[in-house]
Amino acid sequence: HVAPAGGALEAALGLAREILPNGPVALRMAKLAVNRGLDLD
């Protein structure tokens, strides 16, 4: 994403706030599945 100059942190926090309500364990497992899966058939 590209934010207005000087607005990157606020835009990143906005994205983080969009993620924050979701299940913490699910987020961790989703990240692990994507990252490790990229190197597998």
PDB file of all heavy atoms in Angstrom:
ATOM      1  N   HIS A   1       0.849  -1.189   0.000  1.00  0.00           N
ATOM      2  CA  HIS A   1       0.000   0.000   0.000  1.00  0.00           C
ATOM      3  C   HIS A   1       0.883   1.236   0.000  1.00  0.00           C
ATOM      4  O   HIS A   1       1.967   1.234   0.589  1.00  0.00           O
ATOM      5  CB  HIS A   1      -0.906   0.043   1.240  1.00  0.00           C
ATOM      6  CG  HIS A   1      -1.815  -1.144   1.374  1.00  0.00           C
ATOM      7  ND1 HIS A   1      -2.989  -1.265   0.667  1.00  0.00           N
ATOM      8  CD2 HIS A   1      -1.700  -2.266   2.124  1.00  0.00           C
ATOM      9  CE1 HIS A   1      -3.568  -2.415   0.982  1.00  0.00           C
ATOM     10  NE2 HIS A   1      -2.810  -3.036   1.865  1.00  0.00           N
ATOM     11  N   VAL A   2       0.397   2.303  -0.639  1.00  0.00           N
ATOM     12  CA  VAL A   2       1.075   3.596  -0.594  1.00  0.00           C
ATOM     13  C   VAL A   2       0.143   4.598   0.074  1.00  0.00           C
ATOM     14  O   VAL A   2      -1.026   4.733  -0.325  1.00  0.00           O
ATOM     15  CB  VAL A   2       1.467   4.083  -2.003  1.00  0.00           C
ATOM     16  CG1 VAL A   2       2.047   5.496  -1.936  1.00  0.00           C
ATOM     17  CG2 VAL A   2       2.475   3.131  -2.640  1.00  0.00           C
ATOM     18  N   ALA A   3       0.661   5.263   1.081  1.00  0.00           N
ATOM     19  CA  ALA A   3      -0.094   6.278   1.814  1.00  0.00           C
ATOM     20  C   ALA A   3       0.437   7.654   1.441  1.00  0.00           C
ATOM     21  O   ALA A   3       1.521   7.780   0.870  1.00  0.00           O
ATOM     22  CB  ALA A   3       0.071   6.042   3.318  1.00  0.00           C
ATOM     23  N   PRO A   4      -0.300   8.709   1.736  1.00  0.00           N
ATOM     24  CA  PRO A   4       0.258  10.059   1.537  1.00  0.00           C
ATOM     25  C   PRO A   4       1.570  10.215   2.297  1.00  0.00           C
ATOM     26  O   PRO A   4       1.781   9.548   3.319  1.00  0.00           O
ATOM     27  CB  PRO A   4      -0.835  10.976   2.107  1.00  0.00           C
ATOM     28  CG  PRO A   4      -2.095  10.171   2.004  1.00  0.00           C
ATOM     29  CD  PRO A   4      -1.684   8.755   2.242  1.00  0.00           C
ATOM     30  N   ALA A   5       2.448  11.064   1.793  1.00  0.00           N
ATOM     31  CA  ALA A   5       3.735  11.286   2.460  1.00  0.00           C
ATOM     32  C   ALA A   5       3.520  11.624   3.929  1.00  0.00           C
ATOM     33  O   ALA A   5       2.684  12.464   4.272  1.00  0.00           O
ATOM     34  CB  ALA A   5       4.489  12.403   1.765  1.00  0.00           C
ATOM     35  N   GLY A   6       4.246  10.938   4.779  1.00  0.00           N
ATOM     36  CA  GLY A   6       4.101  11.136   6.213  1.00  0.00           C
ATOM     37  C   GLY A   6       3.005  10.301   6.843  1.00  0.00           C
ATOM     38  O   GLY A   6       2.855  10.301   8.072  1.00  0.00           O
ATOM     39  N   GLY A   7       2.259   9.572   6.035  1.00  0.00           N
ATOM     40  CA  GLY A   7       1.117   8.823   6.562  1.00  0.00           C
ATOM     41  C   GLY A   7       1.305   7.326   6.621  1.00  0.00           C
ATOM     42  O   GLY A   7       0.345   6.594   6.879  1.00  0.00           O
ATOM     43  N   ALA A   8       2.535   6.838   6.419  1.00  0.00           N
ATOM     44  CA  ALA A   8       2.754   5.392   6.366  1.00  0.00           C
ATOM     45  C   ALA A   8       2.433   4.713   7.692  1.00  0.00           C
ATOM     46  O   ALA A   8       1.796   3.653   7.719  1.00  0.00           O
ATOM     47  CB  ALA A   8       4.186   5.083   5.953  1.00  0.00           C
ATOM     48  N   LEU A   9       2.859   5.306   8.802  1.00  0.00           N
ATOM     49  CA  LEU A   9       2.614   4.675  10.104  1.00  0.00           C
ATOM     50  C   LEU A   9       1.126   4.610  10.397  1.00  0.00           C
ATOM     51  O   LEU A   9       0.621   3.570  10.840  1.00  0.00           O
ATOM     52  CB  LEU A   9       3.350   5.430  11.208  1.00  0.00           C
ATOM     53  CG  LEU A   9       3.121   4.889  12.630  1.00  0.00           C
ATOM     54  CD1 LEU A   9       3.510   3.418  12.728  1.00  0.00           C
ATOM     55  CD2 LEU A   9       3.900   5.722  13.651  1.00  0.00           C
ATOM     56  N   GLU A  10       0.406   5.697  10.149  1.00  0.00           N
ATOM     57  CA  GLU A  10      -1.039   5.685  10.418  1.00  0.00           C
ATOM     58  C   GLU A  10      -1.742   4.668   9.519  1.00  0.00           C
ATOM     59  O   GLU A  10      -2.664   3.969   9.967  1.00  0.00           O
ATOM     60  CB  GLU A  10      -1.622   7.073  10.221  1.00  0.00           C
ATOM     61  CG  GLU A  10      -3.051   7.205  10.748  1.00  0.00           C
ATOM     62  CD  GLU A  10      -3.213   6.771  12.200  1.00  0.00           C
ATOM     63  OE1 GLU A  10      -2.364   7.141  13.034  1.00  0.00           O
ATOM     64  OE2 GLU A  10      -4.184   6.048  12.486  1.00  0.00           O
ATOM     65  N   ALA A  11      -1.309   4.574   8.253  1.00  0.00           N
ATOM     66  CA  ALA A  11      -1.907   3.592   7.347  1.00  0.00           C
ATOM     67  C   ALA A  11      -1.583   2.170   7.798  1.00  0.00           C
ATOM     68  O   ALA A  11      -2.438   1.270   7.720  1.00  0.00           O
ATOM     69  CB  ALA A  11      -1.407   3.825   5.923  1.00  0.00           C
ATOM     70  N   ALA A  12      -0.358   1.954   8.276  1.00  0.00           N
ATOM     71  CA  ALA A  12       0.014   0.635   8.776  1.00  0.00           C
ATOM     72  C   ALA A  12      -0.800   0.280  10.018  1.00  0.00           C
ATOM     73  O   ALA A  12      -1.247  -0.862  10.183  1.00  0.00           O
ATOM     74  CB  ALA A  12       1.509   0.590   9.088  1.00  0.00           C
ATOM     75  N   LEU A  13      -1.015   1.262  10.888  1.00  0.00           N
ATOM     76  CA  LEU A  13      -1.844   1.022  12.068  1.00  0.00           C
ATOM     77  C   LEU A  13      -3.292   0.740  11.674  1.00  0.00           C
ATOM     78  O   LEU A  13      -3.966  -0.084  12.293  1.00  0.00           O
ATOM     79  CB  LEU A  13      -1.771   2.227  13.008  1.00  0.00           C
ATOM     80  CG  LEU A  13      -0.477   2.360  13.817  1.00  0.00           C
ATOM     81  CD1 LEU A  13      -0.430   3.701  14.529  1.00  0.00           C
ATOM     82  CD2 LEU A  13      -0.340   1.222  14.807  1.00  0.00           C
ATOM     83  N   GLY A  14      -3.775   1.417  10.632  1.00  0.00           N
ATOM     84  CA  GLY A  14      -5.125   1.145  10.145  1.00  0.00           C
ATOM     85  C   GLY A  14      -5.255  -0.288   9.667  1.00  0.00           C
ATOM     86  O   GLY A  14      -6.261  -0.965   9.942  1.00  0.00           O
ATOM     87  N   LEU A  15      -4.241  -0.763   8.950  1.00  0.00           N
ATOM     88  CA  LEU A  15      -4.239  -2.151   8.496  1.00  0.00           C
ATOM     89  C   LEU A  15      -4.160  -3.102   9.684  1.00  0.00           C
ATOM     90  O   LEU A  15      -4.857  -4.128   9.727  1.00  0.00           O
ATOM     91  CB  LEU A  15      -3.067  -2.364   7.537  1.00  0.00           C
ATOM     92  CG  LEU A  15      -2.915  -3.740   6.899  1.00  0.00           C
ATOM     93  CD1 LEU A  15      -4.174  -4.138   6.131  1.00  0.00           C
ATOM     94  CD2 LEU A  15      -1.691  -3.738   5.970  1.00  0.00           C
ATOM     95  N   ALA A  16      -3.324  -2.754  10.659  1.00  0.00           N
ATOM     96  CA  ALA A  16      -3.199  -3.587  11.853  1.00  0.00           C
ATOM     97  C   ALA A  16      -4.519  -3.664  12.611  1.00  0.00           C
ATOM     98  O   ALA A  16      -4.903  -4.732  13.115  1.00  0.00           O
ATOM     99  CB  ALA A  16      -2.102  -3.034  12.758  1.00  0.00           C
ATOM    100  N   ARG A  17      -5.224  -2.539  12.678  1.00  0.00           N
ATOM    101  CA  ARG A  17      -6.517  -2.532  13.383  1.00  0.00           C
ATOM    102  C   ARG A  17      -7.562  -3.355  12.648  1.00  0.00           C
ATOM    103  O   ARG A  17      -8.507  -3.849  13.265  1.00  0.00           O
ATOM    104  CB  ARG A  17      -6.989  -1.092  13.567  1.00  0.00           C
ATOM    105  CG  ARG A  17      -6.126  -0.296  14.559  1.00  0.00           C
ATOM    106  CD  ARG A  17      -6.587   1.135  14.706  1.00  0.00           C
ATOM    107  NE  ARG A  17      -5.728   1.867  15.641  1.00  0.00           N
ATOM    108  CZ  ARG A  17      -5.017   2.946  15.326  1.00  0.00           C
ATOM    109  NH1 ARG A  17      -5.095   3.459  14.095  1.00  0.00           N
ATOM    110  NH2 ARG A  17      -4.252   3.528  16.216  1.00  0.00           N
ATOM    111  N   GLU A  18      -7.403  -3.489  11.353  1.00  0.00           N
ATOM    112  CA  GLU A  18      -8.310  -4.341  10.587  1.00  0.00           C
ATOM    113  C   GLU A  18      -8.057  -5.820  10.889  1.00  0.00           C
ATOM    114  O   GLU A  18      -8.973  -6.641  10.861  1.00  0.00           O
ATOM    115  CB  GLU A  18      -8.123  -4.071   9.091  1.00  0.00           C
ATOM    116  CG  GLU A  18      -9.169  -4.691   8.197  1.00  0.00           C
ATOM    117  CD  GLU A  18      -9.005  -4.288   6.745  1.00  0.00           C
ATOM    118  OE1 GLU A  18      -8.250  -3.337   6.459  1.00  0.00           O
ATOM    119  OE2 GLU A  18      -9.638  -4.945   5.890  1.00  0.00           O
ATOM    120  N   ILE A  19      -6.799  -6.152  11.180  1.00  0.00           N
ATOM    121  CA  ILE A  19      -6.415  -7.525  11.493  1.00  0.00           C
ATOM    122  C   ILE A  19      -6.699  -7.876  12.947  1.00  0.00           C
ATOM    123  O   ILE A  19      -7.065  -9.016  13.275  1.00  0.00           O
ATOM    124  CB  ILE A  19      -4.904  -7.717  11.200  1.00  0.00           C
ATOM    125  CG1 ILE A  19      -4.608  -7.509   9.717  1.00  0.00           C
ATOM    126  CG2 ILE A  19      -4.420  -9.099  11.641  1.00  0.00           C
ATOM    127  CD1 ILE A  19      -3.124  -7.412   9.384  1.00  0.00           C
ATOM    128  N   LEU A  20      -6.559  -6.898  13.833  1.00  0.00           N
ATOM    129  CA  LEU A  20      -6.566  -7.122  15.277  1.00  0.00           C
ATOM    130  C   LEU A  20      -7.779  -7.888  15.808  1.00  0.00           C
ATOM    131  O   LEU A  20      -7.613  -8.726  16.703  1.00  0.00           O
ATOM    132  CB  LEU A  20      -6.446  -5.767  15.998  1.00  0.00           C
ATOM    133  CG  LEU A  20      -6.289  -5.800  17.515  1.00  0.00           C
ATOM    134  CD1 LEU A  20      -5.030  -6.551  17.914  1.00  0.00           C
ATOM    135  CD2 LEU A  20      -6.269  -4.380  18.073  1.00  0.00           C
ATOM    136  N   PRO A  21      -9.014  -7.671  15.319  1.00  0.00           N
ATOM    137  CA  PRO A  21     -10.154  -8.384  15.899  1.00  0.00           C
ATOM    138  C   PRO A  21     -10.162  -9.886  15.623  1.00  0.00           C
ATOM    139  O   PRO A  21     -10.929 -10.622  16.255  1.00  0.00           O
ATOM    140  CB  PRO A  21     -11.371  -7.711  15.235  1.00  0.00           C
ATOM    141  CG  PRO A  21     -10.864  -6.420  14.705  1.00  0.00           C
ATOM    142  CD  PRO A  21      -9.453  -6.664  14.333  1.00  0.00           C
ATOM    143  N   ASN A  22      -9.346 -10.351  14.700  1.00  0.00           N
ATOM    144  CA  ASN A  22      -9.386 -11.762  14.317  1.00  0.00           C
ATOM    145  C   ASN A  22      -8.637 -12.638  15.323  1.00  0.00           C
ATOM    146  O   ASN A  22      -7.854 -12.147  16.137  1.00  0.00           O
ATOM    147  CB  ASN A  22      -8.812 -11.931  12.916  1.00  0.00           C
ATOM    148  CG  ASN A  22      -9.607 -11.161  11.882  1.00  0.00           C
ATOM    149  OD1 ASN A  22     -10.830 -11.019  12.007  1.00  0.00           O
ATOM    150  ND2 ASN A  22      -8.935 -10.617  10.881  1.00  0.00           N
ATOM    151  N   GLY A  23      -8.884 -13.925  15.267  1.00  0.00           N
ATOM    152  CA  GLY A  23      -8.352 -14.845  16.251  1.00  0.00           C
ATOM    153  C   GLY A  23      -6.828 -14.876  16.267  1.00  0.00           C
ATOM    154  O   GLY A  23      -6.212 -15.180  15.242  1.00  0.00           O
ATOM    155  N   PRO A  24      -6.189 -14.608  17.402  1.00  0.00           N
ATOM    156  CA  PRO A  24      -4.726 -14.589  17.463  1.00  0.00           C
ATOM    157  C   PRO A  24      -4.073 -15.907  17.098  1.00  0.00           C
ATOM    158  O   PRO A  24      -3.062 -15.936  16.386  1.00  0.00           O
ATOM    159  CB  PRO A  24      -4.439 -14.215  18.921  1.00  0.00           C
ATOM    160  CG  PRO A  24      -5.667 -13.535  19.402  1.00  0.00           C
ATOM    161  CD  PRO A  24      -6.801 -14.188  18.674  1.00  0.00           C
ATOM    162  N   VAL A  25      -4.625 -17.014  17.584  1.00  0.00           N
ATOM    163  CA  VAL A  25      -4.045 -18.323  17.249  1.00  0.00           C
ATOM    164  C   VAL A  25      -4.220 -18.592  15.762  1.00  0.00           C
ATOM    165  O   VAL A  25      -3.306 -19.092  15.086  1.00  0.00           O
ATOM    166  CB  VAL A  25      -4.687 -19.443  18.088  1.00  0.00           C
ATOM    167  CG1 VAL A  25      -4.098 -20.798  17.700  1.00  0.00           C
ATOM    168  CG2 VAL A  25      -4.482 -19.195  19.577  1.00  0.00           C
ATOM    169  N   ALA A  26      -5.389 -18.230  15.218  1.00  0.00           N
ATOM    170  CA  ALA A  26      -5.635 -18.428  13.789  1.00  0.00           C
ATOM    171  C   ALA A  26      -4.659 -17.609  12.953  1.00  0.00           C
ATOM    172  O   ALA A  26      -4.135 -18.079  11.939  1.00  0.00           O
ATOM    173  CB  ALA A  26      -7.073 -18.047  13.452  1.00  0.00           C
ATOM    174  N   LEU A  27      -4.391 -16.375  13.360  1.00  0.00           N
ATOM    175  CA  LEU A  27      -3.447 -15.532  12.618  1.00  0.00           C
ATOM    176  C   LEU A  27      -2.054 -16.144  12.624  1.00  0.00           C
ATOM    177  O   LEU A  27      -1.360 -16.163  11.601  1.00  0.00           O
ATOM    178  CB  LEU A  27      -3.404 -14.127  13.223  1.00  0.00           C
ATOM    179  CG  LEU A  27      -4.642 -13.266  13.013  1.00  0.00           C
ATOM    180  CD1 LEU A  27      -4.550 -11.986  13.839  1.00  0.00           C
ATOM    181  CD2 LEU A  27      -4.823 -12.920  11.539  1.00  0.00           C
ATOM    182  N   ARG A  28      -1.641 -16.653  13.761  1.00  0.00           N
ATOM    183  CA  ARG A  28      -0.312 -17.257  13.859  1.00  0.00           C
ATOM    184  C   ARG A  28      -0.219 -18.513  12.995  1.00  0.00           C
ATOM    185  O   ARG A  28       0.785 -18.735  12.305  1.00  0.00           O
ATOM    186  CB  ARG A  28       0.008 -17.577  15.325  1.00  0.00           C
ATOM    187  CG  ARG A  28       0.212 -16.322  16.166  1.00  0.00           C
ATOM    188  CD  ARG A  28       0.426 -16.638  17.644  1.00  0.00           C
ATOM    189  NE  ARG A  28       0.614 -15.394  18.407  1.00  0.00           N
ATOM    190  CZ  ARG A  28       1.583 -15.207  19.296  1.00  0.00           C
ATOM    191  NH1 ARG A  28       2.452 -16.157  19.558  1.00  0.00           N
ATOM    192  NH2 ARG A  28       1.696 -14.060  19.936  1.00  0.00           N
ATOM    193  N   MET A  29      -1.265 -19.313  13.029  1.00  0.00           N
ATOM    194  CA  MET A  29      -1.250 -20.545  12.227  1.00  0.00           C
ATOM    195  C   MET A  29      -1.355 -20.233  10.731  1.00  0.00           C
ATOM    196  O   MET A  29      -0.735 -20.901   9.904  1.00  0.00           O
ATOM    197  CB  MET A  29      -2.396 -21.464  12.654  1.00  0.00           C
ATOM    198  CG  MET A  29      -2.198 -22.128  14.008  1.00  0.00           C
ATOM    199  SD  MET A  29      -0.713 -23.179  14.086  1.00  0.00           S
ATOM    200  CE  MET A  29       0.413 -22.086  14.976  1.00  0.00           C
ATOM    201  N   ALA A  30      -2.118 -19.209  10.371  1.00  0.00           N
ATOM    202  CA  ALA A  30      -2.226 -18.824   8.960  1.00  0.00           C
ATOM    203  C   ALA A  30      -0.876 -18.335   8.443  1.00  0.00           C
ATOM    204  O   ALA A  30      -0.449 -18.694   7.336  1.00  0.00           O
ATOM    205  CB  ALA A  30      -3.285 -17.734   8.787  1.00  0.00           C
ATOM    206  N   LYS A  31      -0.179 -17.529   9.242  1.00  0.00           N
ATOM    207  CA  LYS A  31       1.143 -17.047   8.835  1.00  0.00           C
ATOM    208  C   LYS A  31       2.111 -18.207   8.672  1.00  0.00           C
ATOM    209  O   LYS A  31       2.849 -18.280   7.674  1.00  0.00           O
ATOM    210  CB  LYS A  31       1.684 -16.051   9.870  1.00  0.00           C
ATOM    211  CG  LYS A  31       3.120 -15.605   9.589  1.00  0.00           C
ATOM    212  CD  LYS A  31       3.578 -14.505  10.521  1.00  0.00           C
ATOM    213  CE  LYS A  31       5.047 -14.165  10.284  1.00  0.00           C
ATOM    214  NZ  LYS A  31       5.489 -12.988  11.057  1.00  0.00           N
ATOM    215  N   LEU A  32       2.103 -19.118   9.627  1.00  0.00           N
ATOM    216  CA  LEU A  32       3.005 -20.269   9.558  1.00  0.00           C
ATOM    217  C   LEU A  32       2.697 -21.124   8.337  1.00  0.00           C
ATOM    218  O   LEU A  32       3.616 -21.567   7.625  1.00  0.00           O
ATOM    219  CB  LEU A  32       2.867 -21.091  10.840  1.00  0.00           C
ATOM    220  CG  LEU A  32       3.808 -22.285  10.989  1.00  0.00           C
ATOM    221  CD1 LEU A  32       5.261 -21.838  11.014  1.00  0.00           C
ATOM    222  CD2 LEU A  32       3.457 -23.076  12.255  1.00  0.00           C
ATOM    223  N   ALA A  33       1.407 -21.352   8.057  1.00  0.00           N
ATOM    224  CA  ALA A  33       1.021 -22.187   6.916  1.00  0.00           C
ATOM    225  C   ALA A  33       1.469 -21.568   5.596  1.00  0.00           C
ATOM    226  O   ALA A  33       1.975 -22.269   4.710  1.00  0.00           O
ATOM    227  CB  ALA A  33      -0.489 -22.400   6.910  1.00  0.00           C
ATOM    228  N   VAL A  34       1.316 -20.260   5.462  1.00  0.00           N
ATOM    229  CA  VAL A  34       1.732 -19.587   4.225  1.00  0.00           C
ATOM    230  C   VAL A  34       3.250 -19.616   4.092  1.00  0.00           C
ATOM    231  O   VAL A  34       3.802 -19.990   3.048  1.00  0.00           O
ATOM    232  CB  VAL A  34       1.208 -18.137   4.183  1.00  0.00           C
ATOM    233  CG1 VAL A  34       1.807 -17.396   3.004  1.00  0.00           C
ATOM    234  CG2 VAL A  34      -0.320 -18.128   4.079  1.00  0.00           C
ATOM    235  N   ASN A  35       3.954 -19.201   5.146  1.00  0.00           N
ATOM    236  CA  ASN A  35       5.412 -19.090   5.059  1.00  0.00           C
ATOM    237  C   ASN A  35       6.081 -20.432   4.790  1.00  0.00           C
ATOM    238  O   ASN A  35       6.960 -20.538   3.923  1.00  0.00           O
ATOM    239  CB  ASN A  35       5.966 -18.474   6.351  1.00  0.00           C
ATOM    240  CG  ASN A  35       5.750 -16.978   6.420  1.00  0.00           C
ATOM    241  OD1 ASN A  35       5.188 -16.370   5.501  1.00  0.00           O
ATOM    242  ND2 ASN A  35       6.178 -16.362   7.501  1.00  0.00           N
ATOM    243  N   ARG A  36       5.688 -21.450   5.531  1.00  0.00           N
ATOM    244  CA  ARG A  36       6.321 -22.758   5.338  1.00  0.00           C
ATOM    245  C   ARG A  36       5.852 -23.417   4.048  1.00  0.00           C
ATOM    246  O   ARG A  36       6.615 -24.087   3.363  1.00  0.00           O
ATOM    247  CB  ARG A  36       6.016 -23.660   6.532  1.00  0.00           C
ATOM    248  CG  ARG A  36       6.614 -23.181   7.834  1.00  0.00           C
ATOM    249  CD  ARG A  36       8.132 -23.334   7.871  1.00  0.00           C
ATOM    250  NE  ARG A  36       8.682 -22.755   9.086  1.00  0.00           N
ATOM    251  CZ  ARG A  36       8.743 -23.391  10.265  1.00  0.00           C
ATOM    252  NH1 ARG A  36       8.279 -24.625  10.366  1.00  0.00           N
ATOM    253  NH2 ARG A  36       9.249 -22.786  11.321  1.00  0.00           N
ATOM    254  N   GLY A  37       4.581 -23.204   3.716  1.00  0.00           N
ATOM    255  CA  GLY A  37       4.033 -23.832   2.521  1.00  0.00           C
ATOM    256  C   GLY A  37       4.672 -23.355   1.232  1.00  0.00           C
ATOM    257  O   GLY A  37       4.724 -24.093   0.238  1.00  0.00           O
ATOM    258  N   LEU A  38       5.182 -22.116   1.223  1.00  0.00           N
ATOM    259  CA  LEU A  38       5.814 -21.569   0.020  1.00  0.00           C
ATOM    260  C   LEU A  38       7.026 -22.381  -0.420  1.00  0.00           C
ATOM    261  O   LEU A  38       7.379 -22.393  -1.598  1.00  0.00           O
ATOM    262  CB  LEU A  38       6.233 -20.114   0.262  1.00  0.00           C
ATOM    263  CG  LEU A  38       5.112 -19.081   0.247  1.00  0.00           C
ATOM    264  CD1 LEU A  38       5.651 -17.725   0.697  1.00  0.00           C
ATOM    265  CD2 LEU A  38       4.488 -18.964  -1.139  1.00  0.00           C
ATOM    266  N   ASP A  39       7.673 -23.042   0.522  1.00  0.00           N
ATOM    267  CA  ASP A  39       8.880 -23.800   0.210  1.00  0.00           C
ATOM    268  C   ASP A  39       8.604 -25.283  -0.023  1.00  0.00           C
ATOM    269  O   ASP A  39       9.545 -26.071  -0.161  1.00  0.00           O
ATOM    270  CB  ASP A  39       9.901 -23.639   1.345  1.00  0.00           C
ATOM    271  CG  ASP A  39      10.392 -22.204   1.477  1.00  0.00           C
ATOM    272  OD1 ASP A  39      10.535 -21.543   0.432  1.00  0.00           O
ATOM    273  OD2 ASP A  39      10.619 -21.757   2.607  1.00  0.00           O
ATOM    274  N   LEU A  40       7.325 -25.662  -0.078  1.00  0.00           N
ATOM    275  CA  LEU A  40       6.954 -27.062  -0.242  1.00  0.00           C
ATOM    276  C   LEU A  40       6.227 -27.270  -1.568  1.00  0.00           C
ATOM    277  O   LEU A  40       5.696 -26.321  -2.150  1.00  0.00           O
ATOM    278  CB  LEU A  40       6.040 -27.499   0.909  1.00  0.00           C
ATOM    279  CG  LEU A  40       6.607 -27.361   2.337  1.00  0.00           C
ATOM    280  CD1 LEU A  40       5.517 -27.679   3.349  1.00  0.00           C
ATOM    281  CD2 LEU A  40       7.813 -28.268   2.534  1.00  0.00           C
ATOM    282  N   ASP A  41       6.204 -28.516  -2.036  1.00  0.00           N
ATOM    283  CA  ASP A  41       5.355 -28.823  -3.180  1.00  0.00           C
ATOM    284  C   ASP A  41       3.893 -28.778  -2.731  1.00  0.00           C
ATOM    285  O   ASP A  41       3.603 -28.711  -1.532  1.00  0.00           O
ATOM    286  CB  ASP A  41       5.701 -30.202  -3.755  1.00  0.00           C
ATOM    287  CG  ASP A  41       5.471 -31.323  -2.746  1.00  0.00           C
ATOM    288  OD1 ASP A  41       4.314 -31.725  -2.556  1.00  0.00           O
ATOM    289  OD2 ASP A  41       6.463 -31.774  -2.129  1.00  0.00           O
TER     290      ASP A  41
END
